[in-house]
Amino acid sequence: MPDSGSADARGRTVLATQSFRAPFHLSKPYWDEDARTLLVQVVNPTAGILAGDRLESEIVVQGEASLLVTTPSASRIFHMREGTAECRQHFAVAAGGWLEVMPEPLVPHRASRYRQSTTLEVADGGALFFVDQLMPGRLAHGEAWAWDRLILGLSVRAAGELVLRERMDQTGAELLGLAKLAGSGVEACFANAVLIAPSVTEASEPAWRGALTALHGHGLWIGVSRLRRSGWSLKLIASGPIRLRESLREVRRILAPYFPRLTCDPRKL
């Protein structure tokens, strides 16, 4: 699913080019005049992700354009008798552009196997806020932490320099141990976020960092780490899905005065 956002003569972001096929579908975009951001939902009209699925997406934001990409519902990774599913996604932002990627959580079902590879490339002068969320499984069906294998890889380049590379490769039982270490129970949910922005410099300690770390406690673990160049890495472990959603909403609220594009509501559609 290749997609490209650029600014028109009025300064509004438009989908300059788009191409998609099953299982992807793009909803009708919504222009948020206040946030000056185009909101686009990527929809999977099928039941979810099945064995043998190969998903690929590429989104490019040009200079002066601003795009928020989200999904209307969680991505369910179904039981697999054999085989695996794979997702490769690439997001790129040009100088002067802004991209927020905030899909609903991944939900791995019992005996599922899933590999996801994400590459983020932000040019000097560009900005990006990326969030990946993970739920432990179908809680109501007693399937928490019951997947076979989950691989989540992330590479981030800012101004052409590699600033972050991560790879999580764990069974459900292994990740449950991390949740217990954080004092959370079987309903623990995770979020991994990356912020790249020209206004975030290595020489300054941003005012918003203290407000973010103050969220730590009361069912939430949060860590904030500086990256090279102009970026930050945020890790969240919440005691449950509702706590995670509330915490991410609060994170965006804290950051919005410094990054006004974050005032765009991902649930507006």
Protein backbone atom coordinates (compact mmCIF):
# COMPACT_ATOMS: atom_id res chain seq x y z
CA MET A 1 0.00 0.00 0.00
CA PRO A 2 2.05 3.03 -1.21
CA ASP A 3 0.73 6.44 -0.19
CA SER A 4 2.09 9.98 -0.48
CA GLY A 5 0.89 13.15 1.23
CA SER A 6 1.76 16.65 0.03
CA ALA A 7 0.50 20.21 0.47
CA ASP A 8 -1.70 21.87 -2.18
CA ALA A 9 -1.74 25.53 -3.22
CA ARG A 10 -3.91 26.43 -0.18
CA GLY A 11 -1.47 24.79 2.23
CA ARG A 12 -3.78 21.86 2.88
CA THR A 13 -2.42 18.33 2.93
CA VAL A 14 -3.81 16.06 0.22
CA LEU A 15 -3.17 12.47 -0.81
CA ALA A 16 -1.06 13.21 -3.87
CA THR A 17 -0.78 9.54 -4.82
CA GLN A 18 -2.32 6.40 -3.40
CA SER A 19 -2.47 2.76 -4.35
CA PHE A 20 -3.81 -0.11 -2.29
CA ARG A 21 -5.21 -3.60 -2.61
CA ALA A 22 -6.67 -6.22 -0.28
CA PRO A 23 -6.48 -6.45 2.62
CA PHE A 24 -5.91 -2.66 2.80
CA HIS A 25 -8.44 0.09 2.19
CA LEU A 26 -8.08 3.83 2.81
CA SER A 27 -11.06 5.67 4.26
CA LYS A 28 -12.14 9.07 3.01
CA PRO A 29 -9.60 11.50 4.56
CA TYR A 30 -10.68 14.21 6.99
CA TRP A 31 -9.02 17.64 7.04
CA ASP A 32 -8.65 19.01 10.58
CA GLU A 33 -8.56 22.78 10.08
CA ASP A 34 -7.48 23.54 13.65
CA ALA A 35 -4.57 21.10 13.69
CA ARG A 36 -3.83 21.70 9.98
CA THR A 37 -3.54 17.94 9.60
CA LEU A 38 -5.07 15.36 7.27
CA LEU A 39 -6.49 12.34 9.12
CA VAL A 40 -6.48 9.02 7.25
CA GLN A 41 -7.65 5.64 8.48
CA VAL A 42 -6.15 2.47 7.07
CA VAL A 43 -8.87 -0.18 7.15
CA ASN A 44 -8.51 -3.95 6.96
CA PRO A 45 -12.00 -5.07 5.87
CA THR A 46 -11.16 -8.75 6.48
CA ALA A 47 -11.56 -10.47 9.85
CA GLY A 48 -7.91 -9.89 10.70
CA ILE A 49 -4.42 -11.24 10.01
CA LEU A 50 -4.19 -14.91 9.03
CA ALA A 51 -1.40 -17.42 8.41
CA GLY A 52 0.39 -16.71 5.16
CA ASP A 53 -0.60 -13.03 5.01
CA ARG A 54 2.09 -10.68 3.74
CA LEU A 55 1.29 -7.03 4.42
CA GLU A 56 3.34 -4.16 2.99
CA SER A 57 2.78 -0.43 3.37
CA GLU A 58 4.75 2.67 2.47
CA ILE A 59 3.75 6.21 3.40
CA VAL A 60 5.70 9.33 2.40
CA VAL A 61 4.98 12.84 3.68
CA GLN A 62 6.36 15.69 1.59
CA GLY A 63 7.51 19.10 2.80
CA GLU A 64 4.85 21.34 4.45
CA ALA A 65 2.38 18.45 4.59
CA SER A 66 0.92 17.04 7.83
CA LEU A 67 -0.64 13.58 8.11
CA LEU A 68 -2.12 11.45 10.89
CA VAL A 69 -2.48 7.75 10.05
CA THR A 70 -4.56 5.51 12.29
CA THR A 71 -6.86 2.48 12.17
CA PRO A 72 -10.51 2.16 13.23
CA SER A 73 -9.98 -0.99 15.30
CA ALA A 74 -7.39 -3.35 16.70
CA SER A 75 -5.43 -5.64 14.38
CA ARG A 76 -6.22 -9.22 15.38
CA ILE A 77 -3.66 -11.92 14.61
CA PHE A 78 -5.56 -15.19 14.45
CA HIS A 79 -4.71 -18.75 15.50
CA MET A 80 -2.33 -20.45 13.06
CA ARG A 81 -2.10 -24.21 12.70
CA GLU A 82 1.03 -23.70 10.64
CA GLY A 83 2.95 -20.92 8.94
CA THR A 84 3.20 -17.31 10.00
CA ALA A 85 2.13 -13.78 8.99
CA GLU A 86 4.42 -10.90 8.14
CA CYS A 87 4.10 -7.10 7.94
CA ARG A 88 6.63 -4.67 6.48
CA GLN A 89 5.98 -0.95 6.81
CA HIS A 90 8.04 2.07 5.81
CA PHE A 91 7.25 5.66 6.81
CA ALA A 92 9.25 8.61 5.46
CA VAL A 93 9.00 12.35 6.19
CA ALA A 94 10.64 15.11 4.15
CA ALA A 95 11.99 18.38 5.55
CA GLY A 96 9.12 20.54 6.78
CA GLY A 97 6.68 17.61 6.92
CA TRP A 98 4.89 16.04 9.89
CA LEU A 99 3.66 12.46 10.26
CA GLU A 100 1.88 10.83 13.17
CA VAL A 101 1.32 7.06 13.03
CA MET A 102 -0.98 5.82 15.79
CA PRO A 103 -2.85 2.62 14.92
CA GLU A 104 -5.01 0.72 17.36
CA PRO A 105 -3.25 -2.15 19.21
CA LEU A 106 -2.04 -5.48 17.91
CA VAL A 107 -3.95 -8.37 19.52
CA PRO A 108 -2.19 -11.74 19.03
CA HIS A 109 -4.55 -14.69 19.51
CA ARG A 110 -3.59 -18.10 20.88
CA ALA A 111 -0.96 -20.00 18.83
CA SER A 112 -0.35 -17.12 16.43
CA ARG A 113 3.01 -16.23 14.86
CA TYR A 114 3.64 -12.75 13.53
CA ARG A 115 6.65 -10.77 12.33
CA GLN A 116 6.52 -6.98 11.89
CA SER A 117 9.32 -4.83 10.50
CA THR A 118 8.98 -1.03 10.72
CA THR A 119 11.36 1.53 9.20
CA LEU A 120 11.07 5.24 10.00
CA GLU A 121 13.06 7.78 7.99
CA VAL A 122 12.87 11.47 8.88
CA ALA A 123 14.80 14.04 6.88
CA ASP A 124 16.57 16.93 8.58
CA GLY A 125 13.80 19.42 9.39
CA GLY A 126 11.04 16.81 9.33
CA ALA A 127 9.03 15.58 12.34
CA LEU A 128 7.34 12.33 13.32
CA PHE A 129 5.44 10.75 16.22
CA PHE A 130 5.10 6.97 15.95
CA VAL A 131 3.21 4.74 18.39
CA ASP A 132 2.97 0.94 18.37
CA GLN A 133 0.55 -0.69 20.86
CA LEU A 134 0.33 -4.29 22.00
CA MET A 135 -2.40 -6.07 23.96
CA PRO A 136 -1.77 -9.50 25.55
CA GLY A 137 -4.52 -11.26 23.57
CA ARG A 138 -8.24 -11.86 23.86
CA LEU A 139 -8.68 -11.27 27.58
CA ALA A 140 -12.35 -12.28 27.65
CA HIS A 141 -11.45 -15.66 26.12
CA GLY A 142 -8.61 -16.38 28.53
CA GLU A 143 -6.03 -16.09 25.78
CA ALA A 144 -3.64 -13.62 27.38
CA TRP A 145 0.04 -14.22 26.51
CA ALA A 146 -0.83 -17.38 24.55
CA TRP A 147 0.75 -16.55 21.18
CA ASP A 148 3.63 -18.72 19.89
CA ARG A 149 5.97 -16.06 18.56
CA LEU A 150 5.88 -12.31 18.12
CA ILE A 151 8.70 -10.37 16.44
CA LEU A 152 8.54 -6.57 16.35
CA GLY A 153 11.48 -4.86 14.66
CA LEU A 154 11.99 -1.09 14.49
CA SER A 155 14.66 1.00 12.75
CA VAL A 156 14.72 4.81 12.93
CA ARG A 157 16.87 7.14 10.85
CA ALA A 158 16.98 10.89 11.46
CA ALA A 159 18.77 13.12 8.92
CA GLY A 160 20.22 9.98 7.37
CA GLU A 161 21.71 8.69 10.63
CA LEU A 162 20.59 5.51 12.36
CA VAL A 163 19.40 6.64 15.81
CA LEU A 164 17.46 3.59 17.01
CA ARG A 165 17.23 -0.10 16.22
CA GLU A 166 15.11 -2.45 18.32
CA ARG A 167 13.92 -6.02 18.00
CA MET A 168 11.53 -7.81 20.29
CA ASP A 169 11.35 -11.57 19.73
CA GLN A 170 9.44 -13.27 22.53
CA THR A 171 6.77 -15.78 23.30
CA GLY A 172 3.72 -14.64 25.24
CA ALA A 173 5.03 -16.31 28.41
CA GLU A 174 8.35 -14.44 28.17
CA LEU A 175 6.70 -11.05 27.76
CA LEU A 176 4.36 -11.80 30.65
CA GLY A 177 7.47 -11.96 32.84
CA LEU A 178 8.28 -8.35 31.88
CA ALA A 179 4.73 -7.29 32.69
CA LYS A 180 4.99 -8.89 36.14
CA LEU A 181 8.31 -7.13 36.70
CA ALA A 182 6.48 -3.85 36.11
CA GLY A 183 3.93 -4.80 38.73
CA SER A 184 1.18 -5.39 36.17
CA GLY A 185 -1.05 -8.43 35.90
CA VAL A 186 -2.16 -10.56 32.99
CA GLU A 187 -4.01 -7.62 31.40
CA ALA A 188 -0.84 -5.53 30.98
CA CYS A 189 -0.55 -3.64 27.69
CA PHE A 190 2.50 -2.13 26.04
CA ALA A 191 3.24 0.90 23.89
CA ASN A 192 6.42 1.88 22.10
CA ALA A 193 6.64 5.48 20.88
CA VAL A 194 9.24 7.51 19.00
CA LEU A 195 9.31 11.30 18.66
CA ILE A 196 11.56 12.96 16.08
CA ALA A 197 11.32 16.74 15.77
CA PRO A 198 13.59 19.65 14.84
CA SER A 199 12.67 21.49 18.07
CA VAL A 200 14.07 18.59 20.14
CA THR A 201 17.80 19.26 20.44
CA GLU A 202 20.54 17.37 22.21
CA ALA A 203 21.59 20.50 24.09
CA SER A 204 18.26 21.15 25.76
CA GLU A 205 16.12 19.31 28.29
CA PRO A 206 12.54 19.82 27.10
CA ALA A 207 9.97 21.08 29.57
CA TRP A 208 7.59 18.27 28.64
CA ARG A 209 9.92 15.50 29.82
CA GLY A 210 9.17 16.15 33.49
CA ALA A 211 5.43 16.10 32.82
CA LEU A 212 5.73 12.75 31.03
CA THR A 213 7.80 11.07 33.73
CA ALA A 214 5.31 12.37 36.32
CA LEU A 215 2.73 10.04 34.76
CA HIS A 216 4.68 7.08 36.17
CA GLY A 217 2.66 5.22 38.81
CA HIS A 218 -0.97 4.28 39.43
CA GLY A 219 -0.98 1.40 36.96
CA LEU A 220 1.51 2.88 34.50
CA TRP A 221 5.24 2.46 33.96
CA ILE A 222 6.75 5.01 31.60
CA GLY A 223 10.33 5.53 30.48
CA VAL A 224 11.64 8.45 28.42
CA SER A 225 15.07 8.21 26.76
CA ARG A 226 16.91 10.66 24.54
CA LEU A 227 18.07 9.50 21.11
CA ARG A 228 20.84 10.91 18.95
CA ARG A 229 20.01 13.87 16.79
CA SER A 230 16.55 15.23 17.59
CA GLY A 231 14.56 12.38 19.04
CA TRP A 232 13.14 10.59 22.04
CA SER A 233 12.03 7.05 22.79
CA LEU A 234 9.02 6.43 25.07
CA LYS A 235 8.11 3.05 26.60
CA LEU A 236 4.82 2.42 28.39
CA ILE A 237 3.49 -0.57 30.34
CA ALA A 238 -0.09 -0.11 31.52
CA SER A 239 -2.19 -2.29 33.80
CA GLY A 240 -4.88 -2.75 31.17
CA PRO A 241 -6.27 -1.55 27.81
CA ILE A 242 -8.23 1.36 29.25
CA ARG A 243 -5.24 2.57 31.27
CA LEU A 244 -3.05 2.41 28.17
CA ARG A 245 -5.54 4.39 26.09
CA GLU A 246 -5.87 7.02 28.81
CA SER A 247 -2.09 7.25 29.20
CA LEU A 248 -1.46 7.76 25.48
CA ARG A 249 -4.17 10.39 25.38
CA GLU A 250 -2.39 12.16 28.25
CA VAL A 251 1.00 11.85 26.52
CA ARG A 252 -0.40 13.53 23.41
CA ARG A 253 -2.03 16.24 25.54
CA ILE A 254 1.30 17.02 27.24
CA LEU A 255 3.20 17.15 23.95
CA ALA A 256 0.56 19.09 21.98
CA PRO A 257 1.57 22.61 23.15
CA TYR A 258 5.05 21.93 21.75
CA PHE A 259 3.88 19.95 18.70
CA PRO A 260 0.48 21.44 17.76
CA ARG A 261 -0.27 18.81 15.09
CA LEU A 262 -0.96 16.43 17.98
CA THR A 263 -4.21 18.27 18.67
CA CYS A 264 -5.71 16.29 15.77
CA ASP A 265 -8.07 13.72 17.27
CA PRO A 266 -7.34 10.22 15.85
CA ARG A 267 -10.87 9.11 16.75
CA LYS A 268 -12.62 11.97 14.94
CA LEU A 269 -13.73 9.78 12.03
